[in-house]
C-alpha atoms as a PDB file:
ATOM      1  CA  ARG A   1      52.472 103.670 115.535  1.00  0.00           C
ATOM      2  CA  GLU A   2      52.984 100.415 115.059  1.00  0.00           C
ATOM      3  CA  ARG A   3      56.661 101.014 114.040  1.00  0.00           C
ATOM      4  CA  SER A   4      57.018 103.166 116.632  1.00  0.00           C
ATOM      5  CA  ARG A   5      56.451 100.102 119.152  1.00  0.00           C
ATOM      6  CA  LEU A   6      59.333  98.019 117.177  1.00  0.00           C
ATOM      7  CA  PRO A   7      62.852  97.978 117.680  1.00  0.00           C
ATOM      8  CA  SER A   8      64.475 101.029 115.510  1.00  0.00           C
ATOM      9  CA  ARG A   9      66.552  98.801 113.964  1.00  0.00           C
ATOM     10  CA  GLN A  10      64.247  95.618 112.967  1.00  0.00           C
ATOM     11  CA  SER A  11      62.437  95.762 110.260  1.00  0.00           C
ATOM     12  CA  PRO A  12      58.430  93.573 111.171  1.00  0.00           C
ATOM     13  CA  GLN A  13      59.374  90.248 108.501  1.00  0.00           C
ATOM     14  CA  LEU A  14      62.579  90.712 110.796  1.00  0.00           C
ATOM     15  CA  VAL A  15      60.470  90.153 114.176  1.00  0.00           C
ATOM     16  CA  LEU A  16      58.830  87.586 112.827  1.00  0.00           C
ATOM     17  CA  VAL A  17      61.106  85.528 111.912  1.00  0.00           C
ATOM     18  CA  GLU A  18      63.231  85.863 114.861  1.00  0.00           C
ATOM     19  CA  ARG A  19      60.635  85.051 116.626  1.00  0.00           C
ATOM     20  CA  HIS A  20      59.470  81.653 114.724  1.00  0.00           C
ATOM     21  CA  HIS A  21      63.429  80.489 115.450  1.00  0.00           C
ATOM     22  CA  THR A  22      62.920  80.624 118.656  1.00  0.00           C
ATOM     23  CA  HIS A  23      59.789  78.892 119.106  1.00  0.00           C
ATOM     24  CA  VAL A  24      61.039  76.141 116.960  1.00  0.00           C
ATOM     25  CA  LYS A  25      64.671  76.028 119.128  1.00  0.00           C
ATOM     26  CA  GLN A  26      62.486  75.342 122.106  1.00  0.00           C
ATOM     27  CA  GLN A  27      60.167  72.997 120.921  1.00  0.00           C
ATOM     28  CA  SER A  28      63.523  71.084 119.314  1.00  0.00           C
ATOM     29  CA  SER A  29      64.720  70.930 122.831  1.00  0.00           C
ATOM     30  CA  GLU A  30      62.018  69.293 123.822  1.00  0.00           C
ATOM     31  CA  LEU A  31      61.730  67.190 121.542  1.00  0.00           C
ATOM     32  CA  GLU A  32      65.999  66.206 122.698  1.00  0.00           C
ATOM     33  CA  MET A  33      64.433  65.998 126.114  1.00  0.00           C
ATOM     34  CA  ILE A  34      61.456  63.858 126.183  1.00  0.00           C
ATOM     35  CA  ALA A  35      63.647  61.217 123.587  1.00  0.00           C
ATOM     36  CA  ASN A  36      66.594  61.410 126.363  1.00  0.00           C
ATOM     37  CA  GLY A  37      63.946  60.008 128.992  1.00  0.00           C
ATOM     38  CA  CYS A  38      63.658  63.809 130.632  1.00  0.00           C
ATOM     39  CA  ALA A  39      60.766  64.451 130.451  1.00  0.00           C
ATOM     40  CA  GLN A  40      57.397  63.512 129.963  1.00  0.00           C
ATOM     41  CA  GLN A  41      54.442  63.595 127.649  1.00  0.00           C
ATOM     42  CA  PRO A  42      51.770  66.143 129.372  1.00  0.00           C
ATOM     43  CA  GLY A  43      48.052  64.613 129.757  1.00  0.00           C
ATOM     44  CA  PRO A  44      46.561  62.192 131.113  1.00  0.00           C
ATOM     45  CA  LEU A  45      47.903  58.691 131.269  1.00  0.00           C
ATOM     46  CA  SER A  46      45.614  56.068 129.288  1.00  0.00           C
ATOM     47  CA  LYS A  47      46.346  51.977 128.373  1.00  0.00           C
ATOM     48  CA  SER A  48      44.035  50.514 125.792  1.00  0.00           C
ATOM     49  CA  ALA A  49      44.036  46.837 124.346  1.00  0.00           C
ATOM     50  CA  GLU A  50      41.677  44.932 122.477  1.00  0.00           C
ATOM     51  CA  VAL A  51      40.992  40.928 123.367  1.00  0.00           C
ATOM     52  CA  CYS A  52      38.362  38.132 123.015  1.00  0.00           C
ATOM     53  CA  ILE A  53      36.301  37.827 125.046  1.00  0.00           C
ATOM     54  CA  GLY A  54      32.977  35.528 125.050  1.00  0.00           C
ATOM     55  CA  GLY A  55      34.056  35.481 120.996  1.00  0.00           C
ATOM     56  CA  VAL A  56      34.073  38.113 120.840  1.00  0.00           C
ATOM     57  CA  SER A  57      36.525  41.273 119.518  1.00  0.00           C
ATOM     58  CA  THR A  58      36.561  43.683 122.871  1.00  0.00           C
ATOM     59  CA  ARG A  59      37.972  47.374 123.177  1.00  0.00           C
ATOM     60  CA  LEU A  60      39.439  48.432 126.421  1.00  0.00           C
ATOM     61  CA  ILE A  61      40.822  51.993 127.280  1.00  0.00           C
ATOM     62  CA  ALA A  62      41.456  52.878 130.500  1.00  0.00           C
ATOM     63  CA  THR A  63      42.459  57.305 131.569  1.00  0.00           C
ATOM     64  CA  ALA A  64      43.670  58.411 134.808  1.00  0.00           C
ATOM     65  CA  TYR A  65      42.443  62.096 135.017  1.00  0.00           C
ATOM     66  CA  ALA A  66      43.121  64.137 138.498  1.00  0.00           C
ATOM     67  CA  ASN A  67      40.099  63.007 139.764  1.00  0.00           C
ATOM     68  CA  ARG A  68      38.129  60.741 137.523  1.00  0.00           C
ATOM     69  CA  ILE A  69      38.812  57.265 136.136  1.00  0.00           C
ATOM     70  CA  PHE A  70      37.106  57.030 132.735  1.00  0.00           C
ATOM     71  CA  VAL A  71      36.573  53.354 131.371  1.00  0.00           C
ATOM     72  CA  VAL A  72      35.653  51.906 127.480  1.00  0.00           C
ATOM     73  CA  VAL A  73      34.237  48.558 127.552  1.00  0.00           C
ATOM     74  CA  SER A  74      32.851  48.079 124.003  1.00  0.00           C
ATOM     75  CA  GLN A  75      32.276  44.485 121.335  1.00  0.00           C
ATOM     76  CA  ARG A  76      30.571  47.221 118.804  1.00  0.00           C
ATOM     77  CA  GLU A  77      31.360  50.780 116.760  1.00  0.00           C
ATOM     78  CA  ASN A  78      29.892  52.889 120.034  1.00  0.00           C
ATOM     79  CA  LEU A  79      30.472  53.640 123.631  1.00  0.00           C
ATOM     80  CA  GLY A  80      27.059  52.199 124.217  1.00  0.00           C
ATOM     81  CA  THR A  81      26.047  52.770 128.261  1.00  0.00           C
ATOM     82  CA  LEU A  82      27.569  55.691 129.676  1.00  0.00           C
ATOM     83  CA  ILE A  83      27.609  55.411 133.781  1.00  0.00           C
ATOM     84  CA  SER A  84      29.266  57.785 136.720  1.00  0.00           C
ATOM     85  CA  ALA A  85      30.321  55.577 140.031  1.00  0.00           C
ATOM     86  CA  THR A  86      31.842  57.538 142.857  1.00  0.00           C
ATOM     87  CA  ARG A  87      31.839  57.056 146.375  1.00  0.00           C
ATOM     88  CA  GLU A  88      29.870  58.966 148.682  1.00  0.00           C
ATOM     89  CA  SER A  89      31.389  60.940 151.487  1.00  0.00           C
ATOM     90  CA  ALA A  90      31.659  59.115 155.165  1.00  0.00           C
ATOM     91  CA  THR A  91      31.805  62.042 157.762  1.00  0.00           C
ATOM     92  CA  GLY A  92      32.396  60.897 161.366  1.00  0.00           C
ATOM     93  CA  LEU A  93      32.511  57.191 160.287  1.00  0.00           C
ATOM     94  CA  ALA A  94      36.684  54.879 160.538  1.00  0.00           C
ATOM     95  CA  SER A  95      37.576  53.909 157.269  1.00  0.00           C
ATOM     96  CA  GLY A  96      35.838  51.049 155.964  1.00  0.00           C
ATOM     97  CA  PRO A  97      34.360  49.504 152.900  1.00  0.00           C
ATOM     98  CA  GLY A  98      32.598  52.665 151.778  1.00  0.00           C
ATOM     99  CA  CYS A  99      29.130  53.490 150.206  1.00  0.00           C
ATOM    100  CA  TYR A 100      29.447  54.196 146.429  1.00  0.00           C
ATOM    101  CA  SER A 101      26.346  55.372 143.934  1.00  0.00           C
ATOM    102  CA  THR A 102      26.222  54.623 140.452  1.00  0.00           C
ATOM    103  CA  ARG A 103      24.099  56.836 138.088  1.00  0.00           C
ATOM    104  CA  VAL A 104      22.973  56.360 134.094  1.00  0.00           C
ATOM    105  CA  LEU A 105      23.770  59.437 132.648  1.00  0.00           C
ATOM    106  CA  LEU A 106      23.278  58.107 129.096  1.00  0.00           C
ATOM    107  CA  GLY A 107      22.343  54.670 127.490  1.00  0.00           C
ATOM    108  CA  ARG A 108      20.322  51.578 129.156  1.00  0.00           C
ATOM    109  CA  ARG A 109      18.969  52.314 132.058  1.00  0.00           C
ATOM    110  CA  ASP A 110      17.426  48.461 132.386  1.00  0.00           C
ATOM    111  CA  ASP A 111      20.134  46.648 132.940  1.00  0.00           C
ATOM    112  CA  GLU A 112      21.200  46.421 136.537  1.00  0.00           C
ATOM    113  CA  ALA A 113      24.645  44.498 135.195  1.00  0.00           C
ATOM    114  CA  LEU A 114      25.633  47.411 133.583  1.00  0.00           C
ATOM    115  CA  GLU A 115      25.710  48.924 137.332  1.00  0.00           C
ATOM    116  CA  VAL A 116      27.491  46.309 138.862  1.00  0.00           C
ATOM    117  CA  TYR A 117      30.633  46.310 136.657  1.00  0.00           C
ATOM    118  CA  ALA A 118      30.100  50.121 138.019  1.00  0.00           C
ATOM    119  CA  ARG A 119      30.569  49.677 141.120  1.00  0.00           C
ATOM    120  CA  THR A 120      32.425  46.992 141.193  1.00  0.00           C
ATOM    121  CA  LEU A 121      35.491  48.907 139.368  1.00  0.00           C
ATOM    122  CA  VAL A 122      34.964  51.998 141.448  1.00  0.00           C
ATOM    123  CA  GLU A 123      35.350  50.279 144.348  1.00  0.00           C
ATOM    124  CA  LEU A 124      39.107  48.166 142.749  1.00  0.00           C
ATOM    125  CA  ILE A 125      40.399  52.109 141.921  1.00  0.00           C
ATOM    126  CA  ASN A 126      39.289  53.590 145.117  1.00  0.00           C
ATOM    127  CA  LYS A 127      41.108  50.712 147.157  1.00  0.00           C
ATOM    128  CA  SER A 128      44.040  51.956 144.702  1.00  0.00           C
ATOM    129  CA  ARG A 129      43.614  55.648 144.658  1.00  0.00           C
ATOM    130  CA  PRO A 130      40.376  58.010 145.724  1.00  0.00           C
ATOM    131  CA  ALA A 131      39.151  58.556 142.261  1.00  0.00           C
ATOM    132  CA  ASP A 132      35.653  58.270 141.085  1.00  0.00           C
ATOM    133  CA  LEU A 133      34.821  56.551 137.578  1.00  0.00           C
ATOM    134  CA  LEU A 134      33.216  57.412 134.593  1.00  0.00           C
ATOM    135  CA  LEU A 135      31.716  53.677 132.753  1.00  0.00           C
ATOM    136  CA  ALA A 136      31.003  53.698 129.261  1.00  0.00           C
ATOM    137  CA  LEU A 137      30.194  50.017 128.692  1.00  0.00           C
ATOM    138  CA  ASN A 138      28.883  48.014 125.082  1.00  0.00           C
ATOM    139  CA  LEU A 139      28.674  44.332 125.872  1.00  0.00           C
ATOM    140  CA  LEU A 140      26.631  41.894 123.691  1.00  0.00           C
ATOM    141  CA  ASP A 141      26.450  39.600 126.777  1.00  0.00           C
ATOM    142  CA  SER A 142      26.281  39.822 130.479  1.00  0.00           C
ATOM    143  CA  SER A 143      27.033  37.033 131.469  1.00  0.00           C
ATOM    144  CA  ARG A 144      29.030  36.397 134.401  1.00  0.00           C
ATOM    145  CA  ALA A 145      31.772  34.270 132.542  1.00  0.00           C
ATOM    146  CA  THR A 146      31.647  37.824 130.530  1.00  0.00           C
ATOM    147  CA  PHE A 147      32.077  40.164 133.967  1.00  0.00           C
ATOM    148  CA  HIS A 148      34.947  37.787 135.343  1.00  0.00           C
ATOM    149  CA  GLU A 149      36.848  37.960 131.689  1.00  0.00           C
ATOM    150  CA  VAL A 150      35.967  41.422 131.410  1.00  0.00           C
ATOM    151  CA  MET A 151      37.432  42.446 135.305  1.00  0.00           C
ATOM    152  CA  ARG A 152      40.527  40.021 134.571  1.00  0.00           C
ATOM    153  CA  ALA A 153      41.426  42.346 130.981  1.00  0.00           C
ATOM    154  CA  LEU A 154      40.823  46.030 132.941  1.00  0.00           C
ATOM    155  CA  ASP A 155      42.572  44.524 135.646  1.00  0.00           C
ATOM    156  CA  ALA A 156      45.680  43.857 133.226  1.00  0.00           C
ATOM    157  CA  ILE A 157      45.863  47.605 131.352  1.00  0.00           C
ATOM    158  CA  LYS A 158      44.750  49.357 135.146  1.00  0.00           C
ATOM    159  CA  VAL A 159      45.730  53.147 135.015  1.00  0.00           C
ATOM    160  CA  TRP A 160      44.415  52.978 138.807  1.00  0.00           C
END
C-alpha cells in the first residue's frame, strides 16, 4: 500500500534523497540571507556583559520577550532569588507614574533590597515599553553603591 502512494517512477530512497536535497537548499539560502544581512535570526533579543562591581565579577544578562523582560544579575555561580515585577493596571486613571507590584517567586524573602531592585527596574522598563520583569538576582553586597553600579551596568545592556 505504501508503494502505491509514491509516484510510479520513484523508489522510496529517491524520494527521501529529493526531500533531503530540497531541505539542504532551503537551509543554505537562509544562511546566505543571514550572511548578507537580509534576514534576522529568530528568537528574543538578548545582551550580556561581565563587569566588576564592588571588586567582584558580576554577570549581567538581559533578554526581551514579547511581554516580559528577563534580567539576570549574579556574582555567584547560580541565579539566586527570582522576583516577578508587574505594573498594575490603572483602569480609569490618567497615565501617571503607575503602581507596581513585586513578588518573590523563589529564594530569599527576607531581603527588601532585592525587591527594590525589581521595582526600580520595572519602572525603568515601563518608561520605554510596557512589559513585566522577571529578575534573577544574586549579589554578595546590598549596599547603595552596589545598587547604583548595577543600575548603570544594566543601562549599558538594556534591551527595552
